[in-house]
N, C-alpha and C. Protein backbone atom coordinates (compact mmCIF):
# COMPACT_ATOMS: atom_id res chain seq x y z
N UNK A 1 87.49 100.83 72.20
CA UNK A 1 88.60 100.04 72.66
C UNK A 1 89.01 100.53 74.05
N UNK A 2 89.11 99.62 75.00
CA UNK A 2 89.47 99.93 76.37
C UNK A 2 90.98 100.07 76.50
N UNK A 3 91.43 101.18 77.04
CA UNK A 3 92.86 101.42 77.24
C UNK A 3 93.25 100.95 78.63
N UNK A 4 94.33 100.20 78.72
CA UNK A 4 94.81 99.69 80.00
C UNK A 4 95.44 100.83 80.81
N UNK A 5 94.95 101.04 82.00
CA UNK A 5 95.46 102.08 82.90
C UNK A 5 96.72 101.57 83.59
N UNK A 6 97.72 102.43 83.67
CA UNK A 6 98.93 102.11 84.42
C UNK A 6 98.54 101.99 85.89
N UNK A 7 98.71 100.81 86.46
CA UNK A 7 98.30 100.57 87.84
C UNK A 7 99.46 100.60 88.81
N UNK A 8 100.63 101.00 88.36
CA UNK A 8 101.80 101.03 89.23
C UNK A 8 101.65 102.11 90.30
N UNK A 9 102.32 101.88 91.43
CA UNK A 9 102.29 102.86 92.50
C UNK A 9 102.95 104.16 92.07
N UNK A 10 104.03 104.08 91.31
CA UNK A 10 104.74 105.30 90.90
C UNK A 10 103.85 106.19 90.04
N UNK A 11 103.04 105.61 89.15
CA UNK A 11 102.11 106.40 88.35
C UNK A 11 101.07 107.05 89.26
N UNK A 12 100.50 106.26 90.17
CA UNK A 12 99.50 106.77 91.11
C UNK A 12 100.08 107.91 91.95
N UNK A 13 101.27 107.71 92.46
CA UNK A 13 101.93 108.72 93.28
C UNK A 13 102.12 110.02 92.51
N UNK A 14 102.58 109.94 91.28
CA UNK A 14 102.79 111.15 90.49
C UNK A 14 101.47 111.83 90.13
N UNK A 15 100.43 111.03 89.91
CA UNK A 15 99.10 111.57 89.63
C UNK A 15 98.57 112.37 90.81
N UNK A 16 98.72 111.83 92.00
CA UNK A 16 98.24 112.52 93.21
C UNK A 16 99.12 113.74 93.51
N UNK A 17 100.42 113.58 93.38
CA UNK A 17 101.33 114.69 93.67
C UNK A 17 101.04 115.88 92.77
N UNK A 18 100.63 115.63 91.54
CA UNK A 18 100.32 116.71 90.60
C UNK A 18 99.14 117.55 91.06
N UNK A 19 98.32 117.02 91.96
CA UNK A 19 97.15 117.75 92.46
C UNK A 19 97.49 118.71 93.59
N UNK A 20 98.70 118.60 94.13
CA UNK A 20 99.11 119.41 95.26
C UNK A 20 100.11 120.46 94.81
N UNK A 21 99.85 121.70 95.16
CA UNK A 21 100.71 122.80 94.76
C UNK A 21 101.16 123.60 95.98
N UNK A 22 102.20 124.35 95.80
CA UNK A 22 102.65 125.27 96.84
C UNK A 22 103.00 124.58 98.14
N UNK A 23 102.48 125.12 99.24
CA UNK A 23 102.82 124.61 100.57
C UNK A 23 102.29 123.22 100.83
N UNK A 24 101.29 122.78 100.06
CA UNK A 24 100.73 121.45 100.26
C UNK A 24 101.57 120.36 99.61
N UNK A 25 102.50 120.72 98.76
CA UNK A 25 103.29 119.75 98.01
C UNK A 25 104.10 118.83 98.92
N UNK A 26 104.49 119.32 100.08
CA UNK A 26 105.30 118.50 100.98
C UNK A 26 104.50 117.42 101.70
N UNK A 27 103.19 117.57 101.78
CA UNK A 27 102.39 116.59 102.52
C UNK A 27 101.47 115.77 101.62
N UNK A 28 101.78 115.70 100.33
CA UNK A 28 100.88 115.00 99.43
C UNK A 28 100.78 113.52 99.74
N UNK A 29 101.79 112.91 100.36
CA UNK A 29 101.77 111.48 100.62
C UNK A 29 101.16 111.12 101.98
N UNK A 30 100.74 112.11 102.77
CA UNK A 30 100.16 111.87 104.10
C UNK A 30 98.65 112.10 104.03
N UNK A 31 97.92 111.07 103.63
CA UNK A 31 96.48 111.18 103.42
C UNK A 31 95.78 111.72 104.66
N UNK A 32 96.18 111.28 105.83
CA UNK A 32 95.52 111.68 107.07
C UNK A 32 95.66 113.17 107.36
N UNK A 33 96.57 113.87 106.68
CA UNK A 33 96.78 115.30 106.91
C UNK A 33 96.13 116.18 105.85
N UNK A 34 95.45 115.58 104.88
CA UNK A 34 94.82 116.36 103.82
C UNK A 34 93.62 117.14 104.34
N UNK A 35 93.39 118.31 103.77
CA UNK A 35 92.18 119.06 104.07
C UNK A 35 91.01 118.41 103.34
N UNK A 36 89.81 118.81 103.68
CA UNK A 36 88.64 118.25 103.00
C UNK A 36 88.66 118.60 101.51
N UNK A 37 89.13 119.79 101.17
CA UNK A 37 89.21 120.18 99.75
C UNK A 37 90.22 119.32 99.01
N UNK A 38 91.37 119.07 99.62
CA UNK A 38 92.37 118.22 98.99
C UNK A 38 91.81 116.81 98.77
N UNK A 39 91.09 116.29 99.76
CA UNK A 39 90.49 114.97 99.64
C UNK A 39 89.49 114.92 98.49
N UNK A 40 88.68 115.95 98.35
CA UNK A 40 87.71 116.00 97.25
C UNK A 40 88.40 116.01 95.89
N UNK A 41 89.47 116.77 95.79
CA UNK A 41 90.22 116.83 94.54
C UNK A 41 90.82 115.46 94.21
N UNK A 42 91.37 114.79 95.20
CA UNK A 42 91.95 113.47 94.99
C UNK A 42 90.87 112.45 94.62
N UNK A 43 89.74 112.48 95.31
CA UNK A 43 88.63 111.57 94.98
C UNK A 43 88.19 111.77 93.54
N UNK A 44 88.10 113.01 93.12
CA UNK A 44 87.73 113.31 91.74
C UNK A 44 88.77 112.79 90.75
N UNK A 45 90.04 112.95 91.08
CA UNK A 45 91.13 112.47 90.22
C UNK A 45 91.10 110.95 90.12
N UNK A 46 90.87 110.28 91.24
CA UNK A 46 90.80 108.82 91.24
C UNK A 46 89.62 108.35 90.39
N UNK A 47 88.49 108.99 90.54
CA UNK A 47 87.32 108.64 89.74
C UNK A 47 87.61 108.82 88.26
N UNK A 48 88.23 109.93 87.91
CA UNK A 48 88.53 110.23 86.51
C UNK A 48 89.50 109.23 85.89
N UNK A 49 90.54 108.86 86.62
CA UNK A 49 91.60 108.02 86.06
C UNK A 49 91.41 106.53 86.30
N UNK A 50 90.73 106.16 87.39
CA UNK A 50 90.59 104.74 87.73
C UNK A 50 89.14 104.25 87.72
N UNK A 51 88.19 105.18 87.57
CA UNK A 51 86.77 104.83 87.59
C UNK A 51 86.39 104.12 88.90
N UNK A 52 86.93 104.63 90.00
CA UNK A 52 86.65 104.10 91.33
C UNK A 52 86.20 105.27 92.20
N UNK A 53 85.08 105.11 92.88
CA UNK A 53 84.61 106.12 93.82
C UNK A 53 85.07 105.75 95.22
N UNK A 54 85.71 106.69 95.88
CA UNK A 54 86.21 106.48 97.23
C UNK A 54 85.35 107.30 98.17
N UNK A 55 84.74 106.64 99.15
CA UNK A 55 83.85 107.33 100.08
C UNK A 55 84.64 108.15 101.11
N UNK A 56 83.92 109.06 101.73
CA UNK A 56 84.52 109.87 102.80
C UNK A 56 85.01 108.97 103.93
N UNK A 57 84.22 107.97 104.28
CA UNK A 57 84.60 107.04 105.36
C UNK A 57 85.88 106.29 105.01
N UNK A 58 86.00 105.87 103.77
CA UNK A 58 87.20 105.16 103.34
C UNK A 58 88.41 106.09 103.39
N UNK A 59 88.24 107.32 102.92
CA UNK A 59 89.35 108.28 102.96
C UNK A 59 89.83 108.52 104.38
N UNK A 60 88.90 108.56 105.34
CA UNK A 60 89.28 108.79 106.73
C UNK A 60 90.12 107.64 107.28
N UNK A 61 89.95 106.44 106.74
CA UNK A 61 90.70 105.26 107.21
C UNK A 61 92.10 105.18 106.62
N UNK A 62 92.33 105.86 105.51
CA UNK A 62 93.62 105.78 104.83
C UNK A 62 94.66 106.64 105.54
N UNK A 63 95.84 106.08 105.70
CA UNK A 63 96.93 106.81 106.36
C UNK A 63 97.97 107.31 105.38
N UNK A 64 98.14 106.60 104.27
CA UNK A 64 99.19 106.97 103.32
C UNK A 64 98.77 106.58 101.91
N UNK A 65 99.56 107.00 100.95
CA UNK A 65 99.24 106.73 99.55
C UNK A 65 99.26 105.24 99.22
N UNK A 66 100.15 104.49 99.87
CA UNK A 66 100.23 103.05 99.60
C UNK A 66 98.92 102.36 99.93
N UNK A 67 98.33 102.68 101.08
CA UNK A 67 97.07 102.05 101.45
C UNK A 67 95.93 102.50 100.55
N UNK A 68 95.93 103.76 100.14
CA UNK A 68 94.91 104.26 99.22
C UNK A 68 95.05 103.59 97.86
N UNK A 69 96.26 103.45 97.38
CA UNK A 69 96.51 102.79 96.11
C UNK A 69 96.05 101.33 96.16
N UNK A 70 96.37 100.63 97.22
CA UNK A 70 95.94 99.23 97.37
C UNK A 70 94.42 99.12 97.37
N UNK A 71 93.76 100.05 98.03
CA UNK A 71 92.29 100.05 98.06
C UNK A 71 91.72 100.23 96.65
N UNK A 72 92.29 101.14 95.90
CA UNK A 72 91.81 101.40 94.54
C UNK A 72 91.99 100.17 93.66
N UNK A 73 93.14 99.53 93.74
CA UNK A 73 93.38 98.32 92.94
C UNK A 73 92.42 97.21 93.33
N UNK A 74 92.14 97.09 94.61
CA UNK A 74 91.20 96.08 95.09
C UNK A 74 89.81 96.37 94.53
N UNK A 75 89.38 97.62 94.55
CA UNK A 75 88.06 97.99 94.02
C UNK A 75 87.97 97.74 92.51
N UNK A 76 89.05 97.99 91.79
CA UNK A 76 89.05 97.76 90.35
C UNK A 76 88.95 96.28 90.01
N UNK A 77 89.47 95.43 90.87
CA UNK A 77 89.45 93.99 90.59
C UNK A 77 88.11 93.34 90.96
N UNK A 78 87.29 94.04 91.72
CA UNK A 78 85.96 93.50 92.12
C UNK A 78 84.97 93.59 91.01
């Protein structure tokens, strides 16, 4: 049985924020400021929860969580 994933922005935001600890917690919503390790962790989290693979090139184009969230929803609908 397929479980419906919560696709709301607030769920996505909390999911991503949970991946950032310590000094990185303040910049979790600024995709363009993430380190390569942070990006890899987020890509893995997105794959695990949304079954969407986000390329390095796509991540470089994202400026904020809203645009990343919109991209993920678009990929899920394709």
